[in-house]
Amino acid sequence: MRYLKDFFSLLYPALCATCDTALLQSETVVCTLCRHDLPVLPYTSYTNNHVAATFYGKAPVQMAVSFLAFHNAGKTKELIHRLKYKGQQEIGAFLGDWMGSVLQQSGKFKNIDVIVPVPLHAKKFRKRGYNQLTTFGKKLSEQLDVPYNDTLLVRTSSTHTQTLQQRFERFNNVNTKFSLTNTQLLKNQHILLIDDVITTGATMEACCLELLKTPNTTVSVVSMAFVV
């Protein structure tokens, strides 16, 4: 079986998700050169940084952090694009495993009770067939040893994608609405809300405000990337 696998790997080698070069056996999803080139955001604080500042005066977020810097062109954009629109869900697992390890080692996320993703509207989920946050969230769940629950928060209104140049930016749309399916499960919980890219923070803000309607809850936020 191993020889057969090696034979197919020669015919159809796994390719780097950013540069399309063939991966070595020791590499996963992204080649070593591209991994070192990814713009990982350095943080000395999970409460006083540019991501956290996005929510100041809007939603009382306890901690906020993003993993990669997002530019209009570059490796981060390529990864998110392939994850979100090309079905390469292994990218979410790759980023979730890597970021989860960093968060776990920081010791700042030990009191998280549940991980909740920003939900897709049902129509968009049916069209795409998956939520790009699922594999990311499940790997975070493994690293932080807390449950992942994608049924507690639902989107009740849809958003529109902007122009091609801004396809990862969302409208600051106050009409984007979310609702909770079970407030009892969230009582007295510290919720980690996750998303792919934070731009204005409007979507996560709306989610946070909905989650915080439940008594005695706190919310922290994490995203794969942050527009800089």
Protein backbone atom coordinates (compact mmCIF):
# COMPACT_ATOMS: atom_id res chain seq x y z
CA MET A 1 0.00 0.00 0.00
CA ARG A 2 2.85 2.37 0.84
CA TYR A 3 4.53 1.67 -2.52
CA LEU A 4 1.26 2.45 -4.27
CA LYS A 5 0.95 5.69 -2.34
CA ASP A 6 4.52 6.64 -3.23
CA PHE A 7 3.81 5.84 -6.89
CA PHE A 8 0.78 8.12 -6.99
CA SER A 9 2.69 10.86 -5.18
CA LEU A 10 5.21 10.76 -8.02
CA LEU A 11 2.47 11.09 -10.62
CA TYR A 12 0.37 13.60 -8.68
CA PRO A 13 2.61 15.35 -6.15
CA ALA A 14 1.05 17.50 -3.43
CA LEU A 15 1.62 21.16 -4.25
CA CYS A 16 2.33 24.12 -2.01
CA ALA A 17 -0.85 26.11 -1.43
CA THR A 18 0.91 29.40 -2.15
CA CYS A 19 3.55 28.78 -4.84
CA ASP A 20 2.42 25.46 -6.40
CA THR A 21 5.82 23.80 -6.12
CA ALA A 22 5.88 20.11 -5.22
CA LEU A 23 5.95 19.49 -1.48
CA LEU A 24 8.61 17.32 0.11
CA GLN A 25 7.47 14.37 2.22
CA SER A 26 8.27 16.36 5.36
CA GLU A 27 6.13 19.31 4.25
CA THR A 28 2.39 19.78 4.65
CA VAL A 29 0.14 22.18 2.72
CA VAL A 30 2.79 24.93 2.49
CA CYS A 31 6.43 24.48 1.54
CA THR A 32 9.14 25.43 4.01
CA LEU A 33 10.19 28.53 2.08
CA CYS A 34 6.65 29.88 1.89
CA ARG A 35 5.99 29.04 5.52
CA HIS A 36 8.95 31.17 6.56
CA ASP A 37 7.70 33.97 4.30
CA LEU A 38 4.20 34.06 5.77
CA PRO A 39 3.66 37.40 7.59
CA VAL A 40 2.93 36.08 11.09
CA LEU A 41 1.83 38.93 13.34
CA PRO A 42 3.96 39.20 16.49
CA TYR A 43 2.10 39.95 19.70
CA THR A 44 3.33 40.77 23.17
CA SER A 45 -0.23 41.44 24.29
CA TYR A 46 -3.56 39.81 23.47
CA THR A 47 -5.52 42.75 24.85
CA ASN A 48 -3.58 45.78 23.60
CA ASN A 49 -2.91 45.46 19.87
CA HIS A 50 -4.31 46.58 16.53
CA VAL A 51 -6.83 43.74 16.39
CA ALA A 52 -8.16 44.48 19.87
CA ALA A 53 -8.28 48.19 19.01
CA THR A 54 -10.74 47.39 16.21
CA PHE A 55 -13.36 46.59 18.85
CA TYR A 56 -12.70 49.45 21.29
CA GLY A 57 -15.95 51.23 22.09
CA LYS A 58 -17.93 48.78 19.95
CA ALA A 59 -17.91 45.40 21.70
CA PRO A 60 -16.34 44.44 25.05
CA VAL A 61 -13.89 41.84 23.77
CA GLN A 62 -11.63 40.30 26.40
CA MET A 63 -8.80 39.22 24.08
CA ALA A 64 -8.27 39.60 20.34
CA VAL A 65 -5.60 38.28 18.03
CA SER A 66 -5.05 37.48 14.36
CA PHE A 67 -2.38 35.18 13.00
CA LEU A 68 -1.32 36.60 9.64
CA ALA A 69 -1.13 40.07 8.12
CA PHE A 70 -3.41 40.39 5.10
CA HIS A 71 -2.41 42.59 2.16
CA ASN A 72 -4.07 43.17 -1.20
CA ALA A 73 -1.49 40.84 -2.72
CA GLY A 74 0.65 38.18 -1.13
CA LYS A 75 0.78 34.72 0.36
CA THR A 76 -1.89 35.32 3.00
CA LYS A 77 -4.41 36.42 0.38
CA GLU A 78 -3.59 33.39 -1.76
CA LEU A 79 -4.11 31.01 1.18
CA ILE A 80 -7.42 32.54 2.21
CA HIS A 81 -8.64 32.65 -1.40
CA ARG A 82 -7.89 28.96 -1.96
CA LEU A 83 -9.47 28.00 1.35
CA LYS A 84 -12.56 30.11 0.84
CA TYR A 85 -13.26 29.72 -2.86
CA LYS A 86 -11.31 26.68 -4.07
CA GLY A 87 -12.36 24.18 -1.40
CA GLN A 88 -8.84 23.60 -0.09
CA GLN A 89 -9.98 23.02 3.47
CA GLU A 90 -6.61 21.54 4.45
CA ILE A 91 -5.39 25.15 4.56
CA GLY A 92 -7.77 25.86 7.45
CA ALA A 93 -6.46 22.81 9.29
CA PHE A 94 -2.86 23.90 8.65
CA LEU A 95 -3.46 27.42 10.01
CA GLY A 96 -5.59 26.19 12.91
CA ASP A 97 -2.98 23.68 14.03
CA TRP A 98 -0.18 26.24 13.81
CA MET A 99 -2.07 29.11 15.44
CA GLY A 100 -3.60 26.82 18.05
CA SER A 101 -0.14 25.72 19.11
CA VAL A 102 0.93 29.36 19.49
CA LEU A 103 -2.16 30.23 21.54
CA GLN A 104 -1.77 27.13 23.71
CA GLN A 105 1.85 27.96 24.45
CA SER A 106 0.95 31.55 25.34
CA GLY A 107 -1.11 30.33 28.29
CA LYS A 108 -3.61 33.15 27.71
CA PHE A 109 -6.42 30.97 26.38
CA LYS A 110 -6.67 28.36 29.14
CA ASN A 111 -10.05 29.60 30.33
CA ILE A 112 -11.87 29.32 26.98
CA ASP A 113 -15.02 27.18 27.29
CA VAL A 114 -16.20 26.88 23.68
CA ILE A 115 -15.09 27.86 20.17
CA VAL A 116 -17.80 29.35 17.93
CA PRO A 117 -17.30 30.26 14.26
CA VAL A 118 -18.83 33.22 12.47
CA PRO A 119 -21.61 31.42 10.58
CA LEU A 120 -22.42 31.51 6.89
CA HIS A 121 -25.94 32.27 5.79
CA ALA A 122 -27.76 29.04 4.91
CA LYS A 123 -27.98 30.02 1.23
CA LYS A 124 -24.26 30.66 0.98
CA PHE A 125 -23.48 27.45 2.85
CA ARG A 126 -25.58 25.45 0.39
CA LYS A 127 -23.86 27.11 -2.55
CA ARG A 128 -20.31 26.68 -1.21
CA GLY A 129 -20.93 23.38 0.54
CA TYR A 130 -18.79 24.16 3.57
CA ASN A 131 -17.84 26.85 6.06
CA GLN A 132 -14.20 27.79 5.53
CA LEU A 133 -13.79 28.05 9.32
CA THR A 134 -14.63 24.44 10.14
CA THR A 135 -11.23 22.82 9.76
CA PHE A 136 -9.56 25.87 11.29
CA GLY A 137 -11.87 25.76 14.31
CA LYS A 138 -11.53 22.03 14.83
CA LYS A 139 -7.74 22.25 14.92
CA LEU A 140 -7.95 25.13 17.41
CA SER A 141 -10.27 22.90 19.43
CA GLU A 142 -7.69 20.11 19.49
CA GLN A 143 -4.83 22.39 20.46
CA LEU A 144 -6.74 24.27 23.19
CA ASP A 145 -8.66 21.18 24.33
CA VAL A 146 -12.05 22.91 24.27
CA PRO A 147 -15.19 22.01 22.29
CA TYR A 148 -15.99 23.44 18.87
CA ASN A 149 -19.67 24.22 18.29
CA ASP A 150 -20.94 25.56 14.97
CA THR A 151 -24.65 25.28 15.82
CA LEU A 152 -25.01 27.90 18.56
CA LEU A 153 -24.81 31.01 16.38
CA VAL A 154 -26.67 31.41 13.08
CA ARG A 155 -26.75 34.16 10.48
CA THR A 156 -30.25 35.42 9.75
CA SER A 157 -29.38 37.90 7.00
CA SER A 158 -26.95 37.61 4.14
CA THR A 159 -24.13 39.91 3.06
CA HIS A 160 -22.81 40.69 -0.40
CA THR A 161 -19.30 40.34 -1.71
CA GLN A 162 -17.65 43.56 -2.80
CA THR A 163 -15.65 44.07 -5.98
CA LEU A 164 -12.94 41.66 -7.05
CA GLN A 165 -10.27 43.93 -5.59
CA GLN A 166 -12.08 43.93 -2.25
CA ARG A 167 -13.50 40.41 -2.27
CA PHE A 168 -12.25 39.65 1.24
CA GLU A 169 -13.65 42.86 2.72
CA ARG A 170 -17.20 42.93 4.05
CA PHE A 171 -19.58 45.83 4.07
CA ASN A 172 -19.92 47.59 7.38
CA ASN A 173 -23.54 46.51 7.21
CA VAL A 174 -25.63 47.08 10.32
CA ASN A 175 -28.34 44.93 8.75
CA THR A 176 -26.22 41.79 9.07
CA LYS A 177 -27.98 39.90 11.84
CA PHE A 178 -27.21 36.86 13.94
CA SER A 179 -29.16 34.90 16.50
CA LEU A 180 -28.48 32.24 19.12
CA THR A 181 -30.02 28.79 19.01
CA ASN A 182 -29.38 27.92 22.67
CA THR A 183 -28.58 30.57 25.27
CA GLN A 184 -28.56 28.07 28.13
CA LEU A 185 -25.39 26.41 26.84
CA LEU A 186 -23.58 29.75 26.73
CA LYS A 187 -24.40 30.98 30.24
CA ASN A 188 -21.27 31.67 32.31
CA GLN A 189 -19.06 30.74 29.36
CA HIS A 190 -15.93 32.32 27.88
CA ILE A 191 -16.53 32.09 24.13
CA LEU A 192 -13.79 32.17 21.50
CA LEU A 193 -15.31 33.62 18.32
CA ILE A 194 -13.34 32.85 15.15
CA ASP A 195 -13.33 34.24 11.60
CA ASP A 196 -11.10 34.19 8.53
CA VAL A 197 -10.21 37.86 7.91
CA ILE A 198 -10.89 40.94 10.05
CA THR A 199 -11.23 44.18 8.10
CA THR A 200 -13.54 46.69 9.79
CA GLY A 201 -14.52 44.14 12.43
CA ALA A 202 -18.21 44.83 11.79
CA THR A 203 -19.21 41.19 11.32
CA MET A 204 -17.43 39.97 14.45
CA GLU A 205 -18.78 42.95 16.37
CA ALA A 206 -22.34 41.96 15.48
CA CYS A 207 -21.63 38.38 16.51
CA CYS A 208 -20.07 39.47 19.80
CA LEU A 209 -23.02 41.66 20.71
CA GLU A 210 -25.41 38.77 20.05
CA LEU A 211 -23.31 36.33 22.10
CA LEU A 212 -23.04 38.81 24.98
CA LYS A 213 -26.82 38.95 25.36
CA THR A 214 -26.46 35.70 27.29
CA PRO A 215 -25.97 36.32 31.03
CA ASN A 216 -22.43 36.33 32.40
CA THR A 217 -20.61 35.54 29.17
CA THR A 218 -17.29 36.87 27.95
CA VAL A 219 -16.01 36.83 24.37
CA SER A 220 -12.55 36.72 22.87
CA VAL A 221 -11.88 36.78 19.13
CA VAL A 222 -9.37 35.07 16.86
CA SER A 223 -8.96 35.27 13.11
CA MET A 224 -6.67 33.75 10.53
CA ALA A 225 -5.72 37.17 9.20
CA PHE A 226 -6.03 40.90 9.79
CA VAL A 227 -6.00 43.56 7.08
CA VAL A 228 -3.07 45.91 7.62
